[in-house]
Amino acid sequence: MSLTSGLSSVRKSKMFDSIVWLLASFTAPEDITVNPQSMLWMLPLAAAIAVIYKATKLPKITVRIFLKESIVLFVSIVVFIIVVVAVLWFVTWLAIE
């Protein structure tokens, strides 16, 4: 066995270990605490939804129209979620009082 084949098998083993570790990290859910800062996780999700939805629904995509439509949808999603949170908070406040 040559030195280069031994190094190659070590690299393959380390790469395999890295892949297994990466795949194993998806088996446990992300720990998101229950506090107001956890609502910030909503922003990248809303942005991804807006961009993907507009990319599939616009008949003709230009940069200006795509950005405008995506931003409008992103803001609409965020405002809707904030309104829902406010309504649920108010209903909970009424139920406790």
PDB file of N, CA and C in Angstrom:
ATOM      1  N   MET A   1       0.855  -1.172   0.000  1.00  0.00           N
ATOM      2  CA  MET A   1       0.000   0.000   0.000  1.00  0.00           C
ATOM      3  C   MET A   1       0.901   1.235   0.000  1.00  0.00           C
ATOM      4  N   SER A   2       0.575   2.164  -0.872  1.00  0.00           N
ATOM      5  CA  SER A   2       1.397   3.365  -0.962  1.00  0.00           C
ATOM      6  C   SER A   2       0.890   4.428   0.004  1.00  0.00           C
ATOM      7  N   LEU A   3       1.732   5.429   0.199  1.00  0.00           N
ATOM      8  CA  LEU A   3       1.398   6.516   1.120  1.00  0.00           C
ATOM      9  C   LEU A   3       0.212   7.325   0.616  1.00  0.00           C
ATOM     10  N   THR A   4       0.133   7.527  -0.681  1.00  0.00           N
ATOM     11  CA  THR A   4      -0.968   8.339  -1.232  1.00  0.00           C
ATOM     12  C   THR A   4      -2.304   7.641  -1.108  1.00  0.00           C
ATOM     13  N   SER A   5      -2.344   6.331  -1.235  1.00  0.00           N
ATOM     14  CA  SER A   5      -3.627   5.634  -1.080  1.00  0.00           C
ATOM     15  C   SER A   5      -4.085   5.667   0.374  1.00  0.00           C
ATOM     16  N   GLY A   6      -3.126   5.637   1.308  1.00  0.00           N
ATOM     17  CA  GLY A   6      -3.474   5.747   2.732  1.00  0.00           C
ATOM     18  C   GLY A   6      -4.054   7.112   3.049  1.00  0.00           C
ATOM     19  N   LEU A   7      -3.473   8.178   2.486  1.00  0.00           N
ATOM     20  CA  LEU A   7      -3.992   9.527   2.687  1.00  0.00           C
ATOM     21  C   LEU A   7      -5.369   9.684   2.062  1.00  0.00           C
ATOM     22  N   SER A   8      -5.544   9.046   0.917  1.00  0.00           N
ATOM     23  CA  SER A   8      -6.833   9.131   0.234  1.00  0.00           C
ATOM     24  C   SER A   8      -7.934   8.499   1.074  1.00  0.00           C
ATOM     25  N   SER A   9      -7.634   7.362   1.689  1.00  0.00           N
ATOM     26  CA  SER A   9      -8.656   6.705   2.508  1.00  0.00           C
ATOM     27  C   SER A   9      -8.947   7.510   3.771  1.00  0.00           C
ATOM     28  N   VAL A  10      -7.931   8.195   4.321  1.00  0.00           N
ATOM     29  CA  VAL A  10      -8.152   9.044   5.499  1.00  0.00           C
ATOM     30  C   VAL A  10      -9.047  10.218   5.121  1.00  0.00           C
ATOM     31  N   ARG A  11      -8.797  10.838   3.967  1.00  0.00           N
ATOM     32  CA  ARG A  11      -9.633  11.952   3.510  1.00  0.00           C
ATOM     33  C   ARG A  11     -11.060  11.505   3.290  1.00  0.00           C
ATOM     34  N   LYS A  12     -11.234  10.332   2.673  1.00  0.00           N
ATOM     35  CA  LYS A  12     -12.580   9.806   2.437  1.00  0.00           C
ATOM     36  C   LYS A  12     -13.296   9.545   3.754  1.00  0.00           C
ATOM     37  N   SER A  13     -12.552   9.019   4.724  1.00  0.00           N
ATOM     38  CA  SER A  13     -13.141   8.737   6.030  1.00  0.00           C
ATOM     39  C   SER A  13     -13.569  10.033   6.722  1.00  0.00           C
ATOM     40  N   LYS A  14     -12.720  11.058   6.669  1.00  0.00           N
ATOM     41  CA  LYS A  14     -13.073  12.343   7.287  1.00  0.00           C
ATOM     42  C   LYS A  14     -14.251  12.982   6.575  1.00  0.00           C
ATOM     43  N   MET A  15     -14.293  12.863   5.243  1.00  0.00           N
ATOM     44  CA  MET A  15     -15.404  13.421   4.486  1.00  0.00           C
ATOM     45  C   MET A  15     -16.699  12.689   4.825  1.00  0.00           C
ATOM     46  N   PHE A  16     -16.611  11.350   4.933  1.00  0.00           N
ATOM     47  CA  PHE A  16     -17.790  10.569   5.295  1.00  0.00           C
ATOM     48  C   PHE A  16     -18.280  10.949   6.689  1.00  0.00           C
ATOM     49  N   ASP A  17     -17.342  11.122   7.628  1.00  0.00           N
ATOM     50  CA  ASP A  17     -17.723  11.529   8.983  1.00  0.00           C
ATOM     51  C   ASP A  17     -18.415  12.896   8.973  1.00  0.00           C
ATOM     52  N   SER A  18     -17.905  13.811   8.155  1.00  0.00           N
ATOM     53  CA  SER A  18     -18.515  15.137   8.059  1.00  0.00           C
ATOM     54  C   SER A  18     -19.923  15.046   7.490  1.00  0.00           C
ATOM     55  N   ILE A  19     -20.112  14.223   6.483  1.00  0.00           N
ATOM     56  CA  ILE A  19     -21.436  14.066   5.876  1.00  0.00           C
ATOM     57  C   ILE A  19     -22.402  13.440   6.870  1.00  0.00           C
ATOM     58  N   VAL A  20     -21.950  12.439   7.581  1.00  0.00           N
ATOM     59  CA  VAL A  20     -22.813  11.790   8.584  1.00  0.00           C
ATOM     60  C   VAL A  20     -23.185  12.785   9.678  1.00  0.00           C
ATOM     61  N   TRP A  21     -22.221  13.572  10.138  1.00  0.00           N
ATOM     62  CA  TRP A  21     -22.509  14.574  11.164  1.00  0.00           C
ATOM     63  C   TRP A  21     -23.516  15.600  10.662  1.00  0.00           C
ATOM     64  N   LEU A  22     -23.353  16.060   9.408  1.00  0.00           N
ATOM     65  CA  LEU A  22     -24.277  17.023   8.836  1.00  0.00           C
ATOM     66  C   LEU A  22     -25.692  16.447   8.744  1.00  0.00           C
ATOM     67  N   LEU A  23     -25.815  15.234   8.266  1.00  0.00           N
ATOM     68  CA  LEU A  23     -27.135  14.610   8.164  1.00  0.00           C
ATOM     69  C   LEU A  23     -27.741  14.364   9.543  1.00  0.00           C
ATOM     70  N   ALA A  24     -26.923  14.000  10.515  1.00  0.00           N
ATOM     71  CA  ALA A  24     -27.426  13.760  11.869  1.00  0.00           C
ATOM     72  C   ALA A  24     -27.935  15.037  12.509  1.00  0.00           C
ATOM     73  N   SER A  25     -27.399  16.184  12.109  1.00  0.00           N
ATOM     74  CA  SER A  25     -27.850  17.442  12.703  1.00  0.00           C
ATOM     75  C   SER A  25     -29.287  17.770  12.322  1.00  0.00           C
ATOM     76  N   PHE A  26     -29.804  17.157  11.264  1.00  0.00           N
ATOM     77  CA  PHE A  26     -31.186  17.392  10.862  1.00  0.00           C
ATOM     78  C   PHE A  26     -32.179  16.501  11.606  1.00  0.00           C
ATOM     79  N   THR A  27     -31.709  15.607  12.448  1.00  0.00           N
ATOM     80  CA  THR A  27     -32.613  14.710  13.157  1.00  0.00           C
ATOM     81  C   THR A  27     -33.183  15.324  14.429  1.00  0.00           C
ATOM     82  N   ALA A  28     -32.594  16.401  14.898  1.00  0.00           N
ATOM     83  CA  ALA A  28     -33.079  17.077  16.102  1.00  0.00           C
ATOM     84  C   ALA A  28     -33.619  18.449  15.708  1.00  0.00           C
ATOM     85  N   PRO A  29     -34.784  18.814  16.213  1.00  0.00           N
ATOM     86  CA  PRO A  29     -35.332  20.126  15.854  1.00  0.00           C
ATOM     87  C   PRO A  29     -34.515  21.268  16.442  1.00  0.00           C
ATOM     88  N   GLU A  30     -34.577  22.405  15.782  1.00  0.00           N
ATOM     89  CA  GLU A  30     -33.894  23.607  16.275  1.00  0.00           C
ATOM     90  C   GLU A  30     -34.601  24.080  17.540  1.00  0.00           C
ATOM     91  N   ASP A  31     -33.833  24.416  18.553  1.00  0.00           N
ATOM     92  CA  ASP A  31     -34.403  24.881  19.814  1.00  0.00           C
ATOM     93  C   ASP A  31     -34.695  26.380  19.699  1.00  0.00           C
ATOM     94  N   ILE A  32     -35.974  26.717  19.557  1.00  0.00           N
ATOM     95  CA  ILE A  32     -36.389  28.113  19.478  1.00  0.00           C
ATOM     96  C   ILE A  32     -37.148  28.421  20.758  1.00  0.00           C
ATOM     97  N   THR A  33     -36.645  29.349  21.519  1.00  0.00           N
ATOM     98  CA  THR A  33     -37.265  29.676  22.795  1.00  0.00           C
ATOM     99  C   THR A  33     -38.548  30.472  22.577  1.00  0.00           C
ATOM    100  N   VAL A  34     -39.341  30.583  23.619  1.00  0.00           N
ATOM    101  CA  VAL A  34     -40.590  31.319  23.549  1.00  0.00           C
ATOM    102  C   VAL A  34     -40.364  32.700  24.158  1.00  0.00           C
ATOM    103  N   ASN A  35     -39.992  33.630  23.310  1.00  0.00           N
ATOM    104  CA  ASN A  35     -39.802  35.010  23.719  1.00  0.00           C
ATOM    105  C   ASN A  35     -40.016  35.906  22.499  1.00  0.00           C
ATOM    106  N   PRO A  36     -40.113  37.199  22.711  1.00  0.00           N
ATOM    107  CA  PRO A  36     -40.368  38.086  21.563  1.00  0.00           C
ATOM    108  C   PRO A  36     -39.281  38.027  20.488  1.00  0.00           C
ATOM    109  N   GLN A  37     -38.043  37.740  20.876  1.00  0.00           N
ATOM    110  CA  GLN A  37     -36.973  37.677  19.890  1.00  0.00           C
ATOM    111  C   GLN A  37     -37.134  36.485  18.944  1.00  0.00           C
ATOM    112  N   SER A  38     -37.839  35.458  19.375  1.00  0.00           N
ATOM    113  CA  SER A  38     -38.027  34.299  18.507  1.00  0.00           C
ATOM    114  C   SER A  38     -38.912  34.628  17.303  1.00  0.00           C
ATOM    115  N   MET A  39     -39.662  35.717  17.380  1.00  0.00           N
ATOM    116  CA  MET A  39     -40.455  36.141  16.217  1.00  0.00           C
ATOM    117  C   MET A  39     -39.551  36.575  15.067  1.00  0.00           C
ATOM    118  N   LEU A  40     -38.288  36.877  15.336  1.00  0.00           N
ATOM    119  CA  LEU A  40     -37.373  37.263  14.266  1.00  0.00           C
ATOM    120  C   LEU A  40     -37.097  36.110  13.297  1.00  0.00           C
ATOM    121  N   TRP A  41     -37.325  34.861  13.734  1.00  0.00           N
ATOM    122  CA  TRP A  41     -37.185  33.717  12.830  1.00  0.00           C
ATOM    123  C   TRP A  41     -38.214  33.789  11.703  1.00  0.00           C
ATOM    124  N   MET A  42     -39.273  34.592  11.901  1.00  0.00           N
ATOM    125  CA  MET A  42     -40.314  34.730  10.896  1.00  0.00           C
ATOM    126  C   MET A  42     -39.796  35.473   9.663  1.00  0.00           C
ATOM    127  N   LEU A  43     -38.849  36.392   9.830  1.00  0.00           N
ATOM    128  CA  LEU A  43     -38.424  37.257   8.724  1.00  0.00           C
ATOM    129  C   LEU A  43     -37.742  36.500   7.578  1.00  0.00           C
ATOM    130  N   PRO A  44     -36.752  35.646   7.822  1.00  0.00           N
ATOM    131  CA  PRO A  44     -36.189  34.924   6.680  1.00  0.00           C
ATOM    132  C   PRO A  44     -37.173  33.965   6.038  1.00  0.00           C
ATOM    133  N   LEU A  45     -38.059  33.390   6.832  1.00  0.00           N
ATOM    134  CA  LEU A  45     -39.074  32.503   6.279  1.00  0.00           C
ATOM    135  C   LEU A  45     -40.038  33.273   5.384  1.00  0.00           C
ATOM    136  N   ALA A  46     -40.492  34.426   5.834  1.00  0.00           N
ATOM    137  CA  ALA A  46     -41.393  35.247   5.024  1.00  0.00           C
ATOM    138  C   ALA A  46     -40.703  35.733   3.755  1.00  0.00           C
ATOM    139  N   ALA A  47     -39.430  36.085   3.853  1.00  0.00           N
ATOM    140  CA  ALA A  47     -38.690  36.528   2.665  1.00  0.00           C
ATOM    141  C   ALA A  47     -38.559  35.392   1.653  1.00  0.00           C
ATOM    142  N   ALA A  48     -38.251  34.207   2.121  1.00  0.00           N
ATOM    143  CA  ALA A  48     -38.130  33.062   1.216  1.00  0.00           C
ATOM    144  C   ALA A  48     -39.455  32.736   0.553  1.00  0.00           C
ATOM    145  N   ILE A  49     -40.535  32.781   1.316  1.00  0.00           N
ATOM    146  CA  ILE A  49     -41.864  32.514   0.749  1.00  0.00           C
ATOM    147  C   ILE A  49     -42.202  33.549  -0.308  1.00  0.00           C
ATOM    148  N   ALA A  50     -41.947  34.818  -0.031  1.00  0.00           N
ATOM    149  CA  ALA A  50     -42.275  35.882  -0.980  1.00  0.00           C
ATOM    150  C   ALA A  50     -41.473  35.747  -2.268  1.00  0.00           C
ATOM    151  N   VAL A  51     -40.182  35.498  -2.165  1.00  0.00           N
ATOM    152  CA  VAL A  51     -39.335  35.393  -3.354  1.00  0.00           C
ATOM    153  C   VAL A  51     -39.710  34.179  -4.195  1.00  0.00           C
ATOM    154  N   ILE A  52     -39.894  33.034  -3.555  1.00  0.00           N
ATOM    155  CA  ILE A  52     -40.225  31.814  -4.299  1.00  0.00           C
ATOM    156  C   ILE A  52     -41.610  31.926  -4.928  1.00  0.00           C
ATOM    157  N   TYR A  53     -42.582  32.455  -4.193  1.00  0.00           N
ATOM    158  CA  TYR A  53     -43.925  32.593  -4.745  1.00  0.00           C
ATOM    159  C   TYR A  53     -43.927  33.514  -5.954  1.00  0.00           C
ATOM    160  N   LYS A  54     -43.268  34.657  -5.846  1.00  0.00           N
ATOM    161  CA  LYS A  54     -43.241  35.604  -6.970  1.00  0.00           C
ATOM    162  C   LYS A  54     -42.439  35.056  -8.145  1.00  0.00           C
ATOM    163  N   ALA A  55     -41.415  34.261  -7.880  1.00  0.00           N
ATOM    164  CA  ALA A  55     -40.638  33.664  -8.972  1.00  0.00           C
ATOM    165  C   ALA A  55     -41.476  32.670  -9.766  1.00  0.00           C
ATOM    166  N   THR A  56     -42.437  32.039  -9.108  1.00  0.00           N
ATOM    167  CA  THR A  56     -43.267  31.061  -9.818  1.00  0.00           C
ATOM    168  C   THR A  56     -44.528  31.670 -10.410  1.00  0.00           C
ATOM    169  N   LYS A  57     -44.959  32.823  -9.926  1.00  0.00           N
ATOM    170  CA  LYS A  57     -46.242  33.369 -10.365  1.00  0.00           C
ATOM    171  C   LYS A  57     -46.164  34.536 -11.339  1.00  0.00           C
ATOM    172  N   LEU A  58     -45.047  35.250 -11.401  1.00  0.00           N
ATOM    173  CA  LEU A  58     -44.962  36.385 -12.316  1.00  0.00           C
ATOM    174  C   LEU A  58     -44.835  35.881 -13.760  1.00  0.00           C
ATOM    175  N   PRO A  59     -45.658  36.418 -14.669  1.00  0.00           N
ATOM    176  CA  PRO A  59     -45.579  35.943 -16.055  1.00  0.00           C
ATOM    177  C   PRO A  59     -44.295  36.395 -16.756  1.00  0.00           C
ATOM    178  N   LYS A  60     -43.836  37.600 -16.465  1.00  0.00           N
ATOM    179  CA  LYS A  60     -42.596  38.119 -17.041  1.00  0.00           C
ATOM    180  C   LYS A  60     -41.776  38.712 -15.900  1.00  0.00           C
ATOM    181  N   ILE A  61     -40.573  38.204 -15.739  1.00  0.00           N
ATOM    182  CA  ILE A  61     -39.748  38.635 -14.604  1.00  0.00           C
ATOM    183  C   ILE A  61     -38.698  39.638 -15.080  1.00  0.00           C
ATOM    184  N   THR A  62     -38.809  40.838 -14.537  1.00  0.00           N
ATOM    185  CA  THR A  62     -37.744  41.823 -14.664  1.00  0.00           C
ATOM    186  C   THR A  62     -37.302  42.161 -13.241  1.00  0.00           C
ATOM    187  N   VAL A  63     -36.101  42.662 -13.104  1.00  0.00           N
ATOM    188  CA  VAL A  63     -35.547  42.904 -11.766  1.00  0.00           C
ATOM    189  C   VAL A  63     -36.418  43.882 -10.991  1.00  0.00           C
ATOM    190  N   ARG A  64     -36.813  44.967 -11.627  1.00  0.00           N
ATOM    191  CA  ARG A  64     -37.595  45.999 -10.939  1.00  0.00           C
ATOM    192  C   ARG A  64     -38.943  45.461 -10.476  1.00  0.00           C
ATOM    193  N   ILE A  65     -39.653  44.810 -11.369  1.00  0.00           N
ATOM    194  CA  ILE A  65     -40.986  44.276 -11.022  1.00  0.00           C
ATOM    195  C   ILE A  65     -40.860  43.169  -9.976  1.00  0.00           C
ATOM    196  N   PHE A  66     -39.872  42.281 -10.162  1.00  0.00           N
ATOM    197  CA  PHE A  66     -39.689  41.173  -9.228  1.00  0.00           C
ATOM    198  C   PHE A  66     -39.389  41.675  -7.820  1.00  0.00           C
ATOM    199  N   LEU A  67     -38.482  42.633  -7.693  1.00  0.00           N
ATOM    200  CA  LEU A  67     -38.159  43.176  -6.369  1.00  0.00           C
ATOM    201  C   LEU A  67     -39.367  43.876  -5.744  1.00  0.00           C
ATOM    202  N   LYS A  68     -40.064  44.672  -6.548  1.00  0.00           N
ATOM    203  CA  LYS A  68     -41.227  45.395  -6.022  1.00  0.00           C
ATOM    204  C   LYS A  68     -42.300  44.423  -5.533  1.00  0.00           C
ATOM    205  N   GLU A  69     -42.626  43.448  -6.356  1.00  0.00           N
ATOM    206  CA  GLU A  69     -43.666  42.481  -5.979  1.00  0.00           C
ATOM    207  C   GLU A  69     -43.243  41.631  -4.777  1.00  0.00           C
ATOM    208  N   SER A  70     -41.987  41.235  -4.734  1.00  0.00           N
ATOM    209  CA  SER A  70     -41.507  40.427  -3.602  1.00  0.00           C
ATOM    210  C   SER A  70     -41.530  41.225  -2.304  1.00  0.00           C
ATOM    211  N   ILE A  71     -41.122  42.471  -2.365  1.00  0.00           N
ATOM    212  CA  ILE A  71     -41.130  43.314  -1.163  1.00  0.00           C
ATOM    213  C   ILE A  71     -42.549  43.565  -0.685  1.00  0.00           C
ATOM    214  N   VAL A  72     -43.466  43.823  -1.619  1.00  0.00           N
ATOM    215  CA  VAL A  72     -44.872  44.036  -1.239  1.00  0.00           C
ATOM    216  C   VAL A  72     -45.433  42.785  -0.571  1.00  0.00           C
ATOM    217  N   LEU A  73     -45.162  41.620  -1.127  1.00  0.00           N
ATOM    218  CA  LEU A  73     -45.664  40.379  -0.529  1.00  0.00           C
ATOM    219  C   LEU A  73     -45.014  40.124   0.828  1.00  0.00           C
ATOM    220  N   PHE A  74     -43.710  40.373   0.942  1.00  0.00           N
ATOM    221  CA  PHE A  74     -43.007  40.202   2.214  1.00  0.00           C
ATOM    222  C   PHE A  74     -43.622  41.082   3.298  1.00  0.00           C
ATOM    223  N   VAL A  75     -43.838  42.350   2.974  1.00  0.00           N
ATOM    224  CA  VAL A  75     -44.433  43.277   3.945  1.00  0.00           C
ATOM    225  C   VAL A  75     -45.854  42.844   4.292  1.00  0.00           C
ATOM    226  N   SER A  76     -46.607  42.380   3.307  1.00  0.00           N
ATOM    227  CA  SER A  76     -47.976  41.917   3.564  1.00  0.00           C
ATOM    228  C   SER A  76     -47.983  40.730   4.524  1.00  0.00           C
ATOM    229  N   ILE A  77     -47.078  39.791   4.319  1.00  0.00           N
ATOM    230  CA  ILE A  77     -46.999  38.625   5.200  1.00  0.00           C
ATOM    231  C   ILE A  77     -46.646  39.057   6.620  1.00  0.00           C
ATOM    232  N   VAL A  78     -45.653  39.916   6.758  1.00  0.00           N
ATOM    233  CA  VAL A  78     -45.213  40.355   8.082  1.00  0.00           C
ATOM    234  C   VAL A  78     -46.320  41.134   8.796  1.00  0.00           C
ATOM    235  N   VAL A  79     -46.988  42.039   8.083  1.00  0.00           N
ATOM    236  CA  VAL A  79     -48.074  42.819   8.690  1.00  0.00           C
ATOM    237  C   VAL A  79     -49.216  41.902   9.111  1.00  0.00           C
ATOM    238  N   PHE A  80     -49.570  40.932   8.262  1.00  0.00           N
ATOM    239  CA  PHE A  80     -50.639  39.999   8.614  1.00  0.00           C
ATOM    240  C   PHE A  80     -50.288  39.213   9.877  1.00  0.00           C
ATOM    241  N   ILE A  81     -49.058  38.738   9.974  1.00  0.00           N
ATOM    242  CA  ILE A  81     -48.654  37.981  11.160  1.00  0.00           C
ATOM    243  C   ILE A  81     -48.678  38.861  12.402  1.00  0.00           C
ATOM    244  N   ILE A  82     -48.244  40.110  12.274  1.00  0.00           N
ATOM    245  CA  ILE A  82     -48.273  41.029  13.417  1.00  0.00           C
ATOM    246  C   ILE A  82     -49.713  41.296  13.858  1.00  0.00           C
ATOM    247  N   VAL A  83     -50.627  41.464  12.903  1.00  0.00           N
ATOM    248  CA  VAL A  83     -52.038  41.676  13.243  1.00  0.00           C
ATOM    249  C   VAL A  83     -52.608  40.441  13.939  1.00  0.00           C
ATOM    250  N   VAL A  84     -52.282  39.254  13.437  1.00  0.00           N
ATOM    251  CA  VAL A  84     -52.772  38.021  14.072  1.00  0.00           C
ATOM    252  C   VAL A  84     -52.230  37.892  15.490  1.00  0.00           C
ATOM    253  N   VAL A  85     -50.965  38.202  15.682  1.00  0.00           N
ATOM    254  CA  VAL A  85     -50.366  38.139  17.030  1.00  0.00           C
ATOM    255  C   VAL A  85     -51.066  39.129  17.955  1.00  0.00           C
ATOM    256  N   ALA A  86     -51.332  40.340  17.466  1.00  0.00           N
ATOM    257  CA  ALA A  86     -52.003  41.345  18.303  1.00  0.00           C
ATOM    258  C   ALA A  86     -53.415  40.904  18.675  1.00  0.00           C
ATOM    259  N   VAL A  87     -54.135  40.344  17.715  1.00  0.00           N
ATOM    260  CA  VAL A  87     -55.503  39.875  18.003  1.00  0.00           C
ATOM    261  C   VAL A  87     -55.471  38.728  19.007  1.00  0.00           C
ATOM    262  N   LEU A  88     -54.577  37.779  18.816  1.00  0.00           N
ATOM    263  CA  LEU A  88     -54.487  36.662  19.762  1.00  0.00           C
ATOM    264  C   LEU A  88     -54.053  37.129  21.146  1.00  0.00           C
ATOM    265  N   TRP A  89     -53.138  38.086  21.204  1.00  0.00           N
ATOM    266  CA  TRP A  89     -52.728  38.632  22.492  1.00  0.00           C
ATOM    267  C   TRP A  89     -53.915  39.306  23.177  1.00  0.00           C
ATOM    268  N   PHE A  90     -54.707  40.074  22.416  1.00  0.00           N
ATOM    269  CA  PHE A  90     -55.864  40.755  22.988  1.00  0.00           C
ATOM    270  C   PHE A  90     -56.911  39.758  23.481  1.00  0.00           C
ATOM    271  N   VAL A  91     -57.173  38.713  22.702  1.00  0.00           N
ATOM    272  CA  VAL A  91     -58.139  37.683  23.132  1.00  0.00           C
ATOM    273  C   VAL A  91     -57.651  36.985  24.390  1.00  0.00           C
ATOM    274  N   THR A  92     -56.361  36.712  24.453  1.00  0.00           N
ATOM    275  CA  THR A  92     -55.805  36.091  25.663  1.00  0.00           C
ATOM    276  C   THR A  92     -55.918  37.029  26.857  1.00  0.00           C
ATOM    277  N   TRP A  93     -55.654  38.303  26.648  1.00  0.00           N
ATOM    278  CA  TRP A  93     -55.778  39.297  27.716  1.00  0.00           C
ATOM    279  C   TRP A  93     -57.236  39.368  28.215  1.00  0.00           C
ATOM    280  N   LEU A  94     -58.197  39.311  27.294  1.00  0.00           N
ATOM    281  CA  LEU A  94     -59.608  39.322  27.698  1.00  0.00           C
ATOM    282  C   LEU A  94     -59.978  38.080  28.481  1.00  0.00           C
ATOM    283  N   ALA A  95     -59.441  36.940  28.064  1.00  0.00           N
ATOM    284  CA  ALA A  95     -59.761  35.675  28.752  1.00  0.00           C
ATOM    285  C   ALA A  95     -59.181  35.638  30.152  1.00  0.00           C
ATOM    286  N   ILE A  96     -58.031  36.236  30.346  1.00  0.00           N
ATOM    287  CA  ILE A  96     -57.401  36.224  31.669  1.00  0.00           C
ATOM    288  C   ILE A  96     -58.099  37.195  32.617  1.00  0.00           C
ATOM    289  N   GLU A  97     -58.519  38.339  32.128  1.00  0.00           N
ATOM    290  CA  GLU A  97     -59.140  39.367  32.966  1.00  0.00           C
ATOM    291  C   GLU A  97     -60.470  38.929  33.506  1.00  0.00           C
TER     292      GLU A  97
END
